[in-house]
């Protein structure tokens, strides 16, 4: 039986710290802090709900991060 792979460690970083930042700045900052994938989404975007370790999601309104969450 094959072993179950261990997901990579996520940055020790709170998504709440990105709320209110300019979206482009927030994305650069998140990548510098170790997030492997940063996804910017418009409000109400239809997205899949799979959890992906190392991904940070931003809901962007008027060029600013309105909401941020892992996965």
C-alpha atoms as a PDB file:
ATOM      1  CA  UNK A   1       0.000   0.000   0.000  1.00  0.00           C
ATOM      2  CA  UNK A   2       1.337   3.430  -0.934  1.00  0.00           C
ATOM      3  CA  UNK A   3       1.917   5.926   1.837  1.00  0.00           C
ATOM      4  CA  UNK A   4      -0.206   9.043   2.092  1.00  0.00           C
ATOM      5  CA  UNK A   5       1.871  12.097   1.135  1.00  0.00           C
ATOM      6  CA  UNK A   6       2.404  14.768   3.752  1.00  0.00           C
ATOM      7  CA  UNK A   7       1.166  18.161   2.554  1.00  0.00           C
ATOM      8  CA  UNK A   8       3.722  20.993   2.616  1.00  0.00           C
ATOM      9  CA  UNK A   9       3.716  23.253   5.647  1.00  0.00           C
ATOM     10  CA  UNK A  10       1.812  26.500   5.244  1.00  0.00           C
ATOM     11  CA  UNK A  11       3.345  29.830   6.213  1.00  0.00           C
ATOM     12  CA  UNK A  12       2.693  30.863   9.804  1.00  0.00           C
ATOM     13  CA  UNK A  13       0.709  33.829   8.585  1.00  0.00           C
ATOM     14  CA  UNK A  14      -2.808  35.063   9.332  1.00  0.00           C
ATOM     15  CA  UNK A  15      -5.004  35.750   6.294  1.00  0.00           C
ATOM     16  CA  UNK A  16      -6.701  38.536   8.261  1.00  0.00           C
ATOM     17  CA  UNK A  17      -3.521  40.608   7.997  1.00  0.00           C
ATOM     18  CA  UNK A  18      -4.118  41.116   4.262  1.00  0.00           C
ATOM     19  CA  UNK A  19      -7.605  42.607   4.535  1.00  0.00           C
ATOM     20  CA  UNK A  20      -7.595  46.268   3.513  1.00  0.00           C
ATOM     21  CA  UNK A  21      -4.317  46.105   1.591  1.00  0.00           C
ATOM     22  CA  UNK A  22      -3.955  47.026  -2.064  1.00  0.00           C
ATOM     23  CA  UNK A  23      -4.464  43.745  -3.961  1.00  0.00           C
ATOM     24  CA  UNK A  24      -1.196  43.864  -5.925  1.00  0.00           C
ATOM     25  CA  UNK A  25       0.820  44.690  -2.799  1.00  0.00           C
ATOM     26  CA  UNK A  26      -0.965  41.955  -0.820  1.00  0.00           C
ATOM     27  CA  UNK A  27      -0.149  39.369  -3.492  1.00  0.00           C
ATOM     28  CA  UNK A  28       3.560  40.287  -3.539  1.00  0.00           C
ATOM     29  CA  UNK A  29       3.657  40.292   0.276  1.00  0.00           C
ATOM     30  CA  UNK A  30       1.945  36.869   0.473  1.00  0.00           C
ATOM     31  CA  UNK A  31       4.437  35.328  -1.962  1.00  0.00           C
ATOM     32  CA  UNK A  32       7.346  36.792   0.019  1.00  0.00           C
ATOM     33  CA  UNK A  33       5.899  35.200   3.162  1.00  0.00           C
ATOM     34  CA  UNK A  34       5.899  31.769   1.531  1.00  0.00           C
ATOM     35  CA  UNK A  35       2.444  31.212  -0.001  1.00  0.00           C
ATOM     36  CA  UNK A  36       2.975  29.067  -3.100  1.00  0.00           C
ATOM     37  CA  UNK A  37      -0.304  30.103  -4.746  1.00  0.00           C
ATOM     38  CA  UNK A  38      -2.176  33.387  -4.352  1.00  0.00           C
ATOM     39  CA  UNK A  39      -5.580  33.658  -5.987  1.00  0.00           C
ATOM     40  CA  UNK A  40      -7.396  37.012  -6.405  1.00  0.00           C
ATOM     41  CA  UNK A  41     -11.130  36.725  -6.975  1.00  0.00           C
ATOM     42  CA  UNK A  42     -13.915  39.223  -7.616  1.00  0.00           C
ATOM     43  CA  UNK A  43     -16.831  39.302  -5.134  1.00  0.00           C
ATOM     44  CA  UNK A  44     -19.258  36.459  -5.732  1.00  0.00           C
ATOM     45  CA  UNK A  45     -16.895  34.464  -7.947  1.00  0.00           C
ATOM     46  CA  UNK A  46     -17.839  30.838  -8.431  1.00  0.00           C
ATOM     47  CA  UNK A  47     -14.931  28.677  -7.308  1.00  0.00           C
ATOM     48  CA  UNK A  48     -14.309  25.051  -6.445  1.00  0.00           C
ATOM     49  CA  UNK A  49     -14.160  24.270  -2.751  1.00  0.00           C
ATOM     50  CA  UNK A  50     -11.185  21.887  -2.696  1.00  0.00           C
ATOM     51  CA  UNK A  51      -8.606  22.710  -0.061  1.00  0.00           C
ATOM     52  CA  UNK A  52      -5.124  23.250  -1.411  1.00  0.00           C
ATOM     53  CA  UNK A  53      -2.289  23.566   1.111  1.00  0.00           C
ATOM     54  CA  UNK A  54      -0.134  26.623   0.492  1.00  0.00           C
ATOM     55  CA  UNK A  55      -2.855  28.598  -1.309  1.00  0.00           C
ATOM     56  CA  UNK A  56      -4.133  31.965  -0.126  1.00  0.00           C
ATOM     57  CA  UNK A  57      -7.349  33.365  -1.592  1.00  0.00           C
ATOM     58  CA  UNK A  58      -8.257  37.049  -1.781  1.00  0.00           C
ATOM     59  CA  UNK A  59     -11.671  38.501  -2.503  1.00  0.00           C
ATOM     60  CA  UNK A  60     -10.858  41.841  -4.136  1.00  0.00           C
ATOM     61  CA  UNK A  61     -13.217  44.819  -4.244  1.00  0.00           C
ATOM     62  CA  UNK A  62     -12.198  48.149  -5.754  1.00  0.00           C
ATOM     63  CA  UNK A  63      -8.544  47.071  -5.857  1.00  0.00           C
ATOM     64  CA  UNK A  64      -8.373  46.157  -2.153  1.00  0.00           C
ATOM     65  CA  UNK A  65      -8.502  42.845  -0.325  1.00  0.00           C
ATOM     66  CA  UNK A  66     -11.948  42.601   1.271  1.00  0.00           C
ATOM     67  CA  UNK A  67     -11.561  39.026   2.540  1.00  0.00           C
ATOM     68  CA  UNK A  68      -8.732  36.493   2.730  1.00  0.00           C
ATOM     69  CA  UNK A  69      -8.724  32.780   3.522  1.00  0.00           C
ATOM     70  CA  UNK A  70      -6.482  29.713   3.253  1.00  0.00           C
ATOM     71  CA  UNK A  71      -6.969  26.885   0.816  1.00  0.00           C
END
